[in-house]
Amino acid sequence: MGTTYHVKVVTGRLGSVKGLKEKIELRLDEINRSLSPYLPESVISRFNRFQETGVEFPVSTDFYRVMQAAAQVHALSDGAWDGTVNPLVDLWGFGRAGRGSEPPPAGAIAELLGEVGFEAIEIREQAALVKRRASVTLDLSSIAKGYGVDQVAEVVRRSGAADFLVEIGGETYAAGRRGDGQAWRVGINTPRPDARADDVYAVVPLQDQALATSGDYRNFFVKDGVRYAHIIDPRTGYPVSNRVVSVSIQAADCTLADGLATAVLVMGAEKGLALIDRLDGVEGLIVVARPDGRLENHFSTGFRMMPYTP
């Protein structure tokens, strides 16, 4: 997944977590072999090279589950989240190949926009995908980390632990309580380019809940006074420019939270908050940068934050 992971377990009656790390890494390796765009022989990399239309491409159970969740987020967001947007991300220079320094030609954007569209992939039963357009490709990184969190949480739960915290690349699931009996506390990074990785903007108490955050304040470039960030709106082909700098979503599972965090960032504060409020068991915090540089919070009714004490 190109990132790190972190697991805390309150052992209690378990007494020991011997062998748990090996089980976790085995499960993460399975997920990577399905969904990692970094591995040339992963299932998703082979699917992206597959050029036949109308022909079933068998995928793993992990891949299939993530695609079902991806289809849900795509539909809920009216296409604001789209797992086929990566060619545009690469065109703008925000992909793995390197960092952009100026906008690409409008003609190139328009041409690639025609290659993007989640509806160009059909999800069949018995874990198979069908391409309706040969050139369409997938990058599910903005939802697969959340799925990885959920699956590691299941591994820990099966070990007999009831109280634990799982984090992969900043996406988190908290089960039960900490060793002191209090709810787990998860920090949200300060959404400013000059903020350190440990600068805390808000603290969220979590118990049997997931928290995922998406932001556009780290990866961007400025050209002729205009700021272009790495979150691309798949409906326009251009970077999002709605002043939303960070979105944190709290939900029962991290797969949904992860996908929704990116979707809401693309949708903007007003439409994003309306979506959050429509969904049962989902809460969220949307941080908007005002023209004067101040940060403004928009949050759903049930979203709870705590004062941060270093």
C-alpha atoms as a PDB file:
ATOM      1  CA  MET A   1       0.000   0.000   0.000  1.00  0.00           C
ATOM      2  CA  GLY A   2       3.032   2.253   0.010  1.00  0.00           C
ATOM      3  CA  THR A   3       2.583   3.246   3.651  1.00  0.00           C
ATOM      4  CA  THR A   4       2.963   2.079   7.255  1.00  0.00           C
ATOM      5  CA  TYR A   5       0.640   0.355   9.705  1.00  0.00           C
ATOM      6  CA  HIS A   6       0.257   0.491  13.473  1.00  0.00           C
ATOM      7  CA  VAL A   7      -1.687  -1.780  15.839  1.00  0.00           C
ATOM      8  CA  LYS A   8      -2.246  -1.411  19.594  1.00  0.00           C
ATOM      9  CA  VAL A   9      -3.842  -4.229  21.595  1.00  0.00           C
ATOM     10  CA  VAL A  10      -4.995  -4.207  25.215  1.00  0.00           C
ATOM     11  CA  THR A  11      -4.046  -7.784  25.991  1.00  0.00           C
ATOM     12  CA  GLY A  12      -6.131  -8.287  29.153  1.00  0.00           C
ATOM     13  CA  ARG A  13      -6.950 -11.993  29.431  1.00  0.00           C
ATOM     14  CA  LEU A  14      -5.034 -12.702  26.224  1.00  0.00           C
ATOM     15  CA  GLY A  15      -1.785 -12.315  28.108  1.00  0.00           C
ATOM     16  CA  SER A  16       0.236 -12.400  24.888  1.00  0.00           C
ATOM     17  CA  VAL A  17       0.025 -11.319  21.270  1.00  0.00           C
ATOM     18  CA  LYS A  18       2.596 -13.850  20.112  1.00  0.00           C
ATOM     19  CA  GLY A  19       2.161 -14.648  16.433  1.00  0.00           C
ATOM     20  CA  LEU A  20      -0.349 -11.846  15.861  1.00  0.00           C
ATOM     21  CA  LYS A  21       2.061  -9.643  13.900  1.00  0.00           C
ATOM     22  CA  GLU A  22       2.784 -12.503  11.497  1.00  0.00           C
ATOM     23  CA  LYS A  23      -0.956 -13.110  10.933  1.00  0.00           C
ATOM     24  CA  ILE A  24      -1.528  -9.412  10.289  1.00  0.00           C
ATOM     25  CA  GLU A  25       1.303  -9.194   7.769  1.00  0.00           C
ATOM     26  CA  LEU A  26       0.095 -12.331   6.000  1.00  0.00           C
ATOM     27  CA  ARG A  27      -3.367 -10.782   5.619  1.00  0.00           C
ATOM     28  CA  LEU A  28      -1.917  -7.465   4.399  1.00  0.00           C
ATOM     29  CA  ASP A  29       0.198  -9.355   1.880  1.00  0.00           C
ATOM     30  CA  GLU A  30      -2.939 -11.067   0.542  1.00  0.00           C
ATOM     31  CA  ILE A  31      -4.678  -7.704   0.121  1.00  0.00           C
ATOM     32  CA  ASN A  32      -1.613  -6.199  -1.559  1.00  0.00           C
ATOM     33  CA  ARG A  33      -1.452  -9.064  -4.048  1.00  0.00           C
ATOM     34  CA  SER A  34      -5.009  -8.177  -5.034  1.00  0.00           C
ATOM     35  CA  LEU A  35      -5.184  -4.389  -4.842  1.00  0.00           C
ATOM     36  CA  SER A  36      -1.715  -2.840  -4.862  1.00  0.00           C
ATOM     37  CA  PRO A  37      -0.978  -0.729  -7.952  1.00  0.00           C
ATOM     38  CA  TYR A  38       2.685  -0.880  -6.907  1.00  0.00           C
ATOM     39  CA  LEU A  39       2.929  -4.607  -7.704  1.00  0.00           C
ATOM     40  CA  PRO A  40       3.035  -5.395 -11.452  1.00  0.00           C
ATOM     41  CA  GLU A  41       1.501  -8.849 -10.955  1.00  0.00           C
ATOM     42  CA  SER A  42      -1.228  -7.877  -8.489  1.00  0.00           C
ATOM     43  CA  VAL A  43      -4.777  -8.626  -9.631  1.00  0.00           C
ATOM     44  CA  ILE A  44      -5.530  -4.926 -10.146  1.00  0.00           C
ATOM     45  CA  SER A  45      -2.370  -4.392 -12.230  1.00  0.00           C
ATOM     46  CA  ARG A  46      -3.262  -7.363 -14.437  1.00  0.00           C
ATOM     47  CA  PHE A  47      -6.832  -6.074 -14.772  1.00  0.00           C
ATOM     48  CA  ASN A  48      -5.502  -2.699 -15.900  1.00  0.00           C
ATOM     49  CA  ARG A  49      -3.436  -4.381 -18.634  1.00  0.00           C
ATOM     50  CA  PHE A  50      -6.421  -6.500 -19.742  1.00  0.00           C
ATOM     51  CA  GLN A  51      -7.678  -5.094 -23.052  1.00  0.00           C
ATOM     52  CA  GLU A  52     -10.739  -7.211 -23.882  1.00  0.00           C
ATOM     53  CA  THR A  53     -14.261  -5.844 -23.608  1.00  0.00           C
ATOM     54  CA  GLY A  54     -17.313  -7.910 -22.741  1.00  0.00           C
ATOM     55  CA  VAL A  55     -15.142 -10.686 -21.295  1.00  0.00           C
ATOM     56  CA  GLU A  56     -15.221 -11.641 -17.622  1.00  0.00           C
ATOM     57  CA  PHE A  57     -12.007 -11.003 -15.686  1.00  0.00           C
ATOM     58  CA  PRO A  58     -11.969 -13.092 -12.470  1.00  0.00           C
ATOM     59  CA  VAL A  59     -10.911 -11.192  -9.367  1.00  0.00           C
ATOM     60  CA  SER A  60     -10.175 -12.151  -5.775  1.00  0.00           C
ATOM     61  CA  THR A  61     -12.707 -11.931  -2.968  1.00  0.00           C
ATOM     62  CA  ASP A  62     -10.856  -8.904  -1.573  1.00  0.00           C
ATOM     63  CA  PHE A  63     -10.968  -7.135  -4.937  1.00  0.00           C
ATOM     64  CA  TYR A  64     -14.656  -7.951  -5.350  1.00  0.00           C
ATOM     65  CA  ARG A  65     -15.592  -6.635  -1.898  1.00  0.00           C
ATOM     66  CA  VAL A  66     -13.731  -3.389  -2.457  1.00  0.00           C
ATOM     67  CA  MET A  67     -15.382  -2.942  -5.862  1.00  0.00           C
ATOM     68  CA  GLN A  68     -18.813  -3.388  -4.285  1.00  0.00           C
ATOM     69  CA  ALA A  69     -17.976  -0.707  -1.700  1.00  0.00           C
ATOM     70  CA  ALA A  70     -16.524   1.498  -4.450  1.00  0.00           C
ATOM     71  CA  ALA A  71     -19.733   1.223  -6.473  1.00  0.00           C
ATOM     72  CA  GLN A  72     -21.705   2.284  -3.387  1.00  0.00           C
ATOM     73  CA  VAL A  73     -19.545   5.383  -2.800  1.00  0.00           C
ATOM     74  CA  HIS A  74     -19.622   6.267  -6.505  1.00  0.00           C
ATOM     75  CA  ALA A  75     -23.424   6.141  -6.497  1.00  0.00           C
ATOM     76  CA  LEU A  76     -23.827   7.997  -3.193  1.00  0.00           C
ATOM     77  CA  SER A  77     -21.568  10.821  -4.376  1.00  0.00           C
ATOM     78  CA  ASP A  78     -23.072  11.121  -7.876  1.00  0.00           C
ATOM     79  CA  GLY A  79     -19.679  10.296  -9.363  1.00  0.00           C
ATOM     80  CA  ALA A  80     -17.570  12.610  -7.204  1.00  0.00           C
ATOM     81  CA  TRP A  81     -15.602   9.510  -6.193  1.00  0.00           C
ATOM     82  CA  ASP A  82     -14.422   7.457  -9.161  1.00  0.00           C
ATOM     83  CA  GLY A  83     -11.856   4.673  -9.060  1.00  0.00           C
ATOM     84  CA  THR A  84     -10.955   5.171 -12.733  1.00  0.00           C
ATOM     85  CA  VAL A  85      -9.662   8.758 -12.344  1.00  0.00           C
ATOM     86  CA  ASN A  86      -5.965   7.834 -12.065  1.00  0.00           C
ATOM     87  CA  PRO A  87      -4.992   8.655 -15.698  1.00  0.00           C
ATOM     88  CA  LEU A  88      -5.997  12.254 -14.972  1.00  0.00           C
ATOM     89  CA  VAL A  89      -4.052  12.206 -11.695  1.00  0.00           C
ATOM     90  CA  ASP A  90      -0.973  11.092 -13.656  1.00  0.00           C
ATOM     91  CA  LEU A  91      -1.565  13.718 -16.352  1.00  0.00           C
ATOM     92  CA  TRP A  92      -1.534  16.475 -13.731  1.00  0.00           C
ATOM     93  CA  GLY A  93       1.730  15.087 -12.355  1.00  0.00           C
ATOM     94  CA  PHE A  94       0.348  13.839  -9.054  1.00  0.00           C
ATOM     95  CA  GLY A  95       0.847  10.128  -9.741  1.00  0.00           C
ATOM     96  CA  ARG A  96       3.677   7.871  -8.663  1.00  0.00           C
ATOM     97  CA  ALA A  97       5.828   8.975 -11.635  1.00  0.00           C
ATOM     98  CA  GLY A  98       6.481  12.466 -10.314  1.00  0.00           C
ATOM     99  CA  ARG A  99       5.191  15.814  -9.178  1.00  0.00           C
ATOM    100  CA  GLY A 100       3.546  18.320 -11.507  1.00  0.00           C
ATOM    101  CA  SER A 101       4.631  21.928 -11.844  1.00  0.00           C
ATOM    102  CA  GLU A 102       2.122  23.325 -14.340  1.00  0.00           C
ATOM    103  CA  PRO A 103      -1.345  22.507 -15.688  1.00  0.00           C
ATOM    104  CA  PRO A 104      -1.521  20.146 -18.689  1.00  0.00           C
ATOM    105  CA  PRO A 105      -3.078  21.350 -21.981  1.00  0.00           C
ATOM    106  CA  ALA A 106      -6.873  21.584 -21.941  1.00  0.00           C
ATOM    107  CA  GLY A 107      -7.039  19.305 -24.969  1.00  0.00           C
ATOM    108  CA  ALA A 108      -5.136  16.553 -23.182  1.00  0.00           C
ATOM    109  CA  ILE A 109      -7.466  16.844 -20.182  1.00  0.00           C
ATOM    110  CA  ALA A 110     -10.551  16.608 -22.415  1.00  0.00           C
ATOM    111  CA  GLU A 111      -9.131  13.584 -24.234  1.00  0.00           C
ATOM    112  CA  LEU A 112      -8.370  11.683 -21.042  1.00  0.00           C
ATOM    113  CA  LEU A 113     -11.688  12.650 -19.488  1.00  0.00           C
ATOM    114  CA  GLY A 114     -13.280  10.406 -22.087  1.00  0.00           C
ATOM    115  CA  GLU A 115     -11.265   7.479 -20.716  1.00  0.00           C
ATOM    116  CA  VAL A 116     -12.556   7.982 -17.172  1.00  0.00           C
ATOM    117  CA  GLY A 117     -15.830   6.607 -15.860  1.00  0.00           C
ATOM    118  CA  PHE A 118     -16.645   3.964 -13.256  1.00  0.00           C
ATOM    119  CA  GLU A 119     -19.673   2.955 -15.323  1.00  0.00           C
ATOM    120  CA  ALA A 120     -17.236   1.524 -17.914  1.00  0.00           C
ATOM    121  CA  ILE A 121     -16.724  -1.446 -15.564  1.00  0.00           C
ATOM    122  CA  GLU A 122     -19.443  -3.988 -14.865  1.00  0.00           C
ATOM    123  CA  ILE A 123     -19.342  -5.855 -11.556  1.00  0.00           C
ATOM    124  CA  ARG A 124     -20.603  -9.396 -12.080  1.00  0.00           C
ATOM    125  CA  GLU A 125     -21.556 -12.008  -9.514  1.00  0.00           C
ATOM    126  CA  GLN A 126     -19.059 -14.780  -8.699  1.00  0.00           C
ATOM    127  CA  ALA A 127     -16.279 -12.169  -8.329  1.00  0.00           C
ATOM    128  CA  ALA A 128     -15.725 -11.057 -11.911  1.00  0.00           C
ATOM    129  CA  LEU A 129     -15.388  -7.698 -13.657  1.00  0.00           C
ATOM    130  CA  VAL A 130     -16.164  -6.836 -17.264  1.00  0.00           C
ATOM    131  CA  LYS A 131     -14.649  -3.904 -19.140  1.00  0.00           C
ATOM    132  CA  ARG A 132     -17.066  -1.994 -21.340  1.00  0.00           C
ATOM    133  CA  ARG A 133     -14.156   0.112 -22.610  1.00  0.00           C
ATOM    134  CA  ALA A 134     -10.784  -1.563 -23.149  1.00  0.00           C
ATOM    135  CA  SER A 135      -8.673   1.398 -21.982  1.00  0.00           C
ATOM    136  CA  VAL A 136     -10.356   1.879 -18.591  1.00  0.00           C
ATOM    137  CA  THR A 137      -8.124   1.293 -15.544  1.00  0.00           C
ATOM    138  CA  LEU A 138      -8.591   1.187 -11.782  1.00  0.00           C
ATOM    139  CA  ASP A 139      -6.744   2.629  -8.811  1.00  0.00           C
ATOM    140  CA  LEU A 140      -8.616   1.905  -5.582  1.00  0.00           C
ATOM    141  CA  SER A 141      -6.030   3.372  -3.218  1.00  0.00           C
ATOM    142  CA  SER A 142      -8.517   5.882  -1.793  1.00  0.00           C
ATOM    143  CA  ILE A 143     -10.690   3.061  -0.453  1.00  0.00           C
ATOM    144  CA  ALA A 144      -8.377   0.028  -0.230  1.00  0.00           C
ATOM    145  CA  LYS A 145      -6.484   1.333   2.824  1.00  0.00           C
ATOM    146  CA  GLY A 146      -9.779   1.495   4.678  1.00  0.00           C
ATOM    147  CA  TYR A 147     -10.515  -2.074   3.624  1.00  0.00           C
ATOM    148  CA  GLY A 148      -7.080  -3.094   4.876  1.00  0.00           C
ATOM    149  CA  VAL A 149      -7.882  -1.524   8.255  1.00  0.00           C
ATOM    150  CA  ASP A 150     -11.140  -3.487   8.488  1.00  0.00           C
ATOM    151  CA  GLN A 151      -9.436  -6.744   7.581  1.00  0.00           C
ATOM    152  CA  VAL A 152      -6.592  -6.286  10.068  1.00  0.00           C
ATOM    153  CA  ALA A 153      -9.194  -5.454  12.717  1.00  0.00           C
ATOM    154  CA  GLU A 154     -10.888  -8.772  11.927  1.00  0.00           C
ATOM    155  CA  VAL A 155      -7.580 -10.635  12.337  1.00  0.00           C
ATOM    156  CA  VAL A 156      -7.034  -8.999  15.743  1.00  0.00           C
ATOM    157  CA  ARG A 157     -10.624  -9.687  16.787  1.00  0.00           C
ATOM    158  CA  ARG A 158     -10.275 -13.387  15.888  1.00  0.00           C
ATOM    159  CA  SER A 159      -7.216 -13.565  18.133  1.00  0.00           C
ATOM    160  CA  GLY A 160      -9.539 -12.947  21.078  1.00  0.00           C
ATOM    161  CA  ALA A 161      -8.833  -9.254  21.640  1.00  0.00           C
ATOM    162  CA  ALA A 162     -11.786  -6.961  22.331  1.00  0.00           C
ATOM    163  CA  ASP A 163      -9.910  -3.684  22.835  1.00  0.00           C
ATOM    164  CA  PHE A 164      -7.535  -2.563  20.101  1.00  0.00           C
ATOM    165  CA  LEU A 165      -6.618   0.178  17.642  1.00  0.00           C
ATOM    166  CA  VAL A 166      -5.650  -0.383  13.993  1.00  0.00           C
ATOM    167  CA  GLU A 167      -4.153   2.332  11.766  1.00  0.00           C
ATOM    168  CA  ILE A 168      -2.939   2.119   8.162  1.00  0.00           C
ATOM    169  CA  GLY A 169      -1.645   5.287   6.539  1.00  0.00           C
ATOM    170  CA  GLY A 170      -3.756   7.470   8.828  1.00  0.00           C
ATOM    171  CA  GLU A 171      -7.021   5.513   8.468  1.00  0.00           C
ATOM    172  CA  THR A 172      -8.162   4.021  11.764  1.00  0.00           C
ATOM    173  CA  TYR A 173     -10.510   1.576  13.458  1.00  0.00           C
ATOM    174  CA  ALA A 174     -10.918   1.544  17.256  1.00  0.00           C
ATOM    175  CA  ALA A 175     -12.509  -1.392  19.064  1.00  0.00           C
ATOM    176  CA  GLY A 176     -13.562  -1.294  22.697  1.00  0.00           C
ATOM    177  CA  ARG A 177     -11.550   0.919  25.034  1.00  0.00           C
ATOM    178  CA  ARG A 178      -7.999   1.787  26.004  1.00  0.00           C
ATOM    179  CA  GLY A 179      -6.248   0.159  28.914  1.00  0.00           C
ATOM    180  CA  ASP A 180      -7.428   2.937  31.235  1.00  0.00           C
ATOM    181  CA  GLY A 181     -11.072   2.275  30.350  1.00  0.00           C
ATOM    182  CA  GLN A 182     -11.451   5.444  28.296  1.00  0.00           C
ATOM    183  CA  ALA A 183     -12.443   5.651  24.639  1.00  0.00           C
ATOM    184  CA  TRP A 184      -9.576   5.602  22.149  1.00  0.00           C
ATOM    185  CA  ARG A 185      -8.490   9.077  21.049  1.00  0.00           C
ATOM    186  CA  VAL A 186      -7.456   9.643  17.444  1.00  0.00           C
ATOM    187  CA  GLY A 187      -5.875  12.869  16.252  1.00  0.00           C
ATOM    188  CA  ILE A 188      -6.624  14.663  12.985  1.00  0.00           C
ATOM    189  CA  ASN A 189      -3.589  16.330  11.423  1.00  0.00           C
ATOM    190  CA  THR A 190      -3.608  20.115  11.115  1.00  0.00           C
ATOM    191  CA  PRO A 191      -4.576  20.769   7.465  1.00  0.00           C
ATOM    192  CA  ARG A 192      -1.848  23.256   6.596  1.00  0.00           C
ATOM    193  CA  PRO A 193       1.120  22.699   4.232  1.00  0.00           C
ATOM    194  CA  ASP A 194       3.636  23.685   6.918  1.00  0.00           C
ATOM    195  CA  ALA A 195       2.122  21.436   9.618  1.00  0.00           C
ATOM    196  CA  ARG A 196       4.230  18.603  10.974  1.00  0.00           C
ATOM    197  CA  ALA A 197       2.880  15.054  10.794  1.00  0.00           C
ATOM    198  CA  ASP A 198       2.264  15.169  14.558  1.00  0.00           C
ATOM    199  CA  ASP A 199       0.519  18.579  14.610  1.00  0.00           C
ATOM    200  CA  VAL A 200      -2.965  17.813  15.935  1.00  0.00           C
ATOM    201  CA  TYR A 201      -5.940  19.858  14.765  1.00  0.00           C
ATOM    202  CA  ALA A 202      -8.649  17.915  16.595  1.00  0.00           C
ATOM    203  CA  VAL A 203      -9.008  14.787  18.737  1.00  0.00           C
ATOM    204  CA  VAL A 204     -11.867  12.370  18.097  1.00  0.00           C
ATOM    205  CA  PRO A 205     -12.985   9.839  20.745  1.00  0.00           C
ATOM    206  CA  LEU A 206     -13.590   6.472  19.067  1.00  0.00           C
ATOM    207  CA  GLN A 207     -15.195   3.266  20.294  1.00  0.00           C
ATOM    208  CA  ASP A 208     -16.164   0.500  17.847  1.00  0.00           C
ATOM    209  CA  GLN A 209     -15.895   3.051  15.035  1.00  0.00           C
ATOM    210  CA  ALA A 210     -13.629   3.909  12.121  1.00  0.00           C
ATOM    211  CA  LEU A 211     -12.178   7.301  11.227  1.00  0.00           C
ATOM    212  CA  ALA A 212     -10.704   8.191   7.833  1.00  0.00           C
ATOM    213  CA  THR A 213      -9.330  11.543   6.686  1.00  0.00           C
ATOM    214  CA  SER A 214      -8.638  12.930   3.216  1.00  0.00           C
ATOM    215  CA  GLY A 215      -6.823  16.204   2.579  1.00  0.00           C
ATOM    216  CA  ASP A 216      -5.372  18.269  -0.264  1.00  0.00           C
ATOM    217  CA  TYR A 217      -2.873  20.349   1.727  1.00  0.00           C
ATOM    218  CA  ARG A 218       0.262  18.233   1.232  1.00  0.00           C
ATOM    219  CA  ASN A 219       0.482  17.471  -2.485  1.00  0.00           C
ATOM    220  CA  PHE A 220      -0.008  20.530  -4.702  1.00  0.00           C
ATOM    221  CA  PHE A 221       1.756  23.077  -6.884  1.00  0.00           C
ATOM    222  CA  VAL A 222       1.225  26.786  -7.577  1.00  0.00           C
ATOM    223  CA  LYS A 223       1.387  28.245 -11.084  1.00  0.00           C
ATOM    224  CA  ASP A 224       0.767  31.922 -11.869  1.00  0.00           C
ATOM    225  CA  GLY A 225      -0.739  32.402  -8.432  1.00  0.00           C
ATOM    226  CA  VAL A 226      -3.200  29.524  -8.793  1.00  0.00           C
ATOM    227  CA  ARG A 227      -2.998  26.526  -6.466  1.00  0.00           C
ATOM    228  CA  TYR A 228      -3.545  23.067  -8.002  1.00  0.00           C
ATOM    229  CA  ALA A 229      -3.935  20.138  -5.569  1.00  0.00           C
ATOM    230  CA  HIS A 230      -3.789  16.390  -6.180  1.00  0.00           C
ATOM    231  CA  ILE A 231      -7.495  15.633  -5.646  1.00  0.00           C
ATOM    232  CA  ILE A 232      -8.961  15.565  -9.178  1.00  0.00           C
ATOM    233  CA  ASP A 233     -12.681  15.929  -9.817  1.00  0.00           C
ATOM    234  CA  PRO A 234     -13.424  12.986 -12.137  1.00  0.00           C
ATOM    235  CA  ARG A 235     -16.387  14.878 -13.610  1.00  0.00           C
ATOM    236  CA  THR A 236     -14.325  17.845 -14.851  1.00  0.00           C
ATOM    237  CA  GLY A 237     -10.761  16.541 -15.108  1.00  0.00           C
ATOM    238  CA  TYR A 238      -9.454  19.462 -13.037  1.00  0.00           C
ATOM    239  CA  PRO A 239      -8.202  19.670  -9.431  1.00  0.00           C
ATOM    240  CA  VAL A 240     -10.865  20.450  -6.860  1.00  0.00           C
ATOM    241  CA  SER A 241     -11.032  24.167  -5.996  1.00  0.00           C
ATOM    242  CA  ASN A 242     -13.807  24.373  -3.394  1.00  0.00           C
ATOM    243  CA  ARG A 243     -11.558  25.448  -0.474  1.00  0.00           C
ATOM    244  CA  VAL A 244     -12.141  22.174   1.392  1.00  0.00           C
ATOM    245  CA  VAL A 245      -8.718  21.199   2.762  1.00  0.00           C
ATOM    246  CA  SER A 246      -9.620  18.232   4.962  1.00  0.00           C
ATOM    247  CA  VAL A 247     -12.499  15.804   5.444  1.00  0.00           C
ATOM    248  CA  SER A 248     -12.756  13.281   8.283  1.00  0.00           C
ATOM    249  CA  ILE A 249     -15.477  10.632   8.199  1.00  0.00           C
ATOM    250  CA  GLN A 250     -16.567   8.487  11.142  1.00  0.00           C
ATOM    251  CA  ALA A 251     -18.451   5.282  10.325  1.00  0.00           C
ATOM    252  CA  ALA A 252     -18.945   1.681  11.444  1.00  0.00           C
ATOM    253  CA  ASP A 253     -16.356   0.413   8.951  1.00  0.00           C
ATOM    254  CA  CYS A 254     -13.238   2.034   7.551  1.00  0.00           C
ATOM    255  CA  THR A 255     -13.819   0.973   3.938  1.00  0.00           C
ATOM    256  CA  LEU A 256     -16.867   3.231   3.673  1.00  0.00           C
ATOM    257  CA  ALA A 257     -15.249   5.992   5.751  1.00  0.00           C
ATOM    258  CA  ASP A 258     -12.162   6.020   3.517  1.00  0.00           C
ATOM    259  CA  GLY A 259     -14.103   6.287   0.264  1.00  0.00           C
ATOM    260  CA  LEU A 260     -16.528   8.878   1.621  1.00  0.00           C
ATOM    261  CA  ALA A 261     -13.700  11.117   2.881  1.00  0.00           C
ATOM    262  CA  THR A 262     -12.390  11.567  -0.668  1.00  0.00           C
ATOM    263  CA  ALA A 263     -15.895  11.830  -2.148  1.00  0.00           C
ATOM    264  CA  VAL A 264     -16.943  14.589   0.256  1.00  0.00           C
ATOM    265  CA  LEU A 265     -13.737  16.523  -0.363  1.00  0.00           C
ATOM    266  CA  VAL A 266     -14.607  16.582  -4.072  1.00  0.00           C
ATOM    267  CA  MET A 267     -18.289  17.415  -3.436  1.00  0.00           C
ATOM    268  CA  GLY A 268     -17.571  20.450  -1.267  1.00  0.00           C
ATOM    269  CA  ALA A 269     -18.802  21.516   2.159  1.00  0.00           C
ATOM    270  CA  GLU A 270     -22.494  22.057   1.435  1.00  0.00           C
ATOM    271  CA  LYS A 271     -23.220  18.986  -0.689  1.00  0.00           C
ATOM    272  CA  GLY A 272     -20.786  16.861   1.309  1.00  0.00           C
ATOM    273  CA  LEU A 273     -22.402  17.665   4.633  1.00  0.00           C
ATOM    274  CA  ALA A 274     -25.843  17.013   3.146  1.00  0.00           C
ATOM    275  CA  LEU A 275     -24.657  13.545   2.078  1.00  0.00           C
ATOM    276  CA  ILE A 276     -23.201  12.790   5.515  1.00  0.00           C
ATOM    277  CA  ASP A 277     -26.456  13.826   7.184  1.00  0.00           C
ATOM    278  CA  ARG A 278     -28.433  11.464   4.922  1.00  0.00           C
ATOM    279  CA  LEU A 279     -26.387   8.408   5.881  1.00  0.00           C
ATOM    280  CA  ASP A 280     -27.246   6.430   9.024  1.00  0.00           C
ATOM    281  CA  GLY A 281     -24.308   5.868  11.353  1.00  0.00           C
ATOM    282  CA  VAL A 282     -22.029   8.283   9.489  1.00  0.00           C
ATOM    283  CA  GLU A 283     -20.618  11.522  10.926  1.00  0.00           C
ATOM    284  CA  GLY A 284     -18.074  13.937   9.545  1.00  0.00           C
ATOM    285  CA  LEU A 285     -15.881  17.011   9.888  1.00  0.00           C
ATOM    286  CA  ILE A 286     -15.215  19.221   6.851  1.00  0.00           C
ATOM    287  CA  VAL A 287     -12.486  21.858   7.207  1.00  0.00           C
ATOM    288  CA  VAL A 288     -12.616  24.817   4.816  1.00  0.00           C
ATOM    289  CA  ALA A 289      -9.812  27.355   4.295  1.00  0.00           C
ATOM    290  CA  ARG A 290     -11.244  30.877   4.225  1.00  0.00           C
ATOM    291  CA  PRO A 291      -9.764  33.510   1.867  1.00  0.00           C
ATOM    292  CA  ASP A 292      -8.016  35.115   4.858  1.00  0.00           C
ATOM    293  CA  GLY A 293      -6.304  31.797   5.695  1.00  0.00           C
ATOM    294  CA  ARG A 294      -8.395  30.906   8.727  1.00  0.00           C
ATOM    295  CA  LEU A 295      -9.776  27.388   9.009  1.00  0.00           C
ATOM    296  CA  GLU A 296     -13.523  26.929   9.357  1.00  0.00           C
ATOM    297  CA  ASN A 297     -15.206  23.768  10.648  1.00  0.00           C
ATOM    298  CA  HIS A 298     -18.394  22.269   9.246  1.00  0.00           C
ATOM    299  CA  PHE A 299     -19.492  19.135  11.074  1.00  0.00           C
ATOM    300  CA  SER A 300     -22.485  16.848  11.323  1.00  0.00           C
ATOM    301  CA  THR A 301     -24.667  16.822  14.426  1.00  0.00           C
ATOM    302  CA  GLY A 302     -23.176  13.691  15.952  1.00  0.00           C
ATOM    303  CA  PHE A 303     -19.498  14.414  15.308  1.00  0.00           C
ATOM    304  CA  ARG A 304     -17.593  14.766  18.580  1.00  0.00           C
ATOM    305  CA  MET A 305     -14.224  16.414  19.145  1.00  0.00           C
ATOM    306  CA  MET A 306     -12.138  16.775  22.296  1.00  0.00           C
ATOM    307  CA  PRO A 307      -9.633  19.430  23.373  1.00  0.00           C
ATOM    308  CA  TYR A 308      -6.087  18.430  22.487  1.00  0.00           C
ATOM    309  CA  THR A 309      -3.644  18.238  25.386  1.00  0.00           C
ATOM    310  CA  PRO A 310      -0.016  17.545  24.312  1.00  0.00           C
END
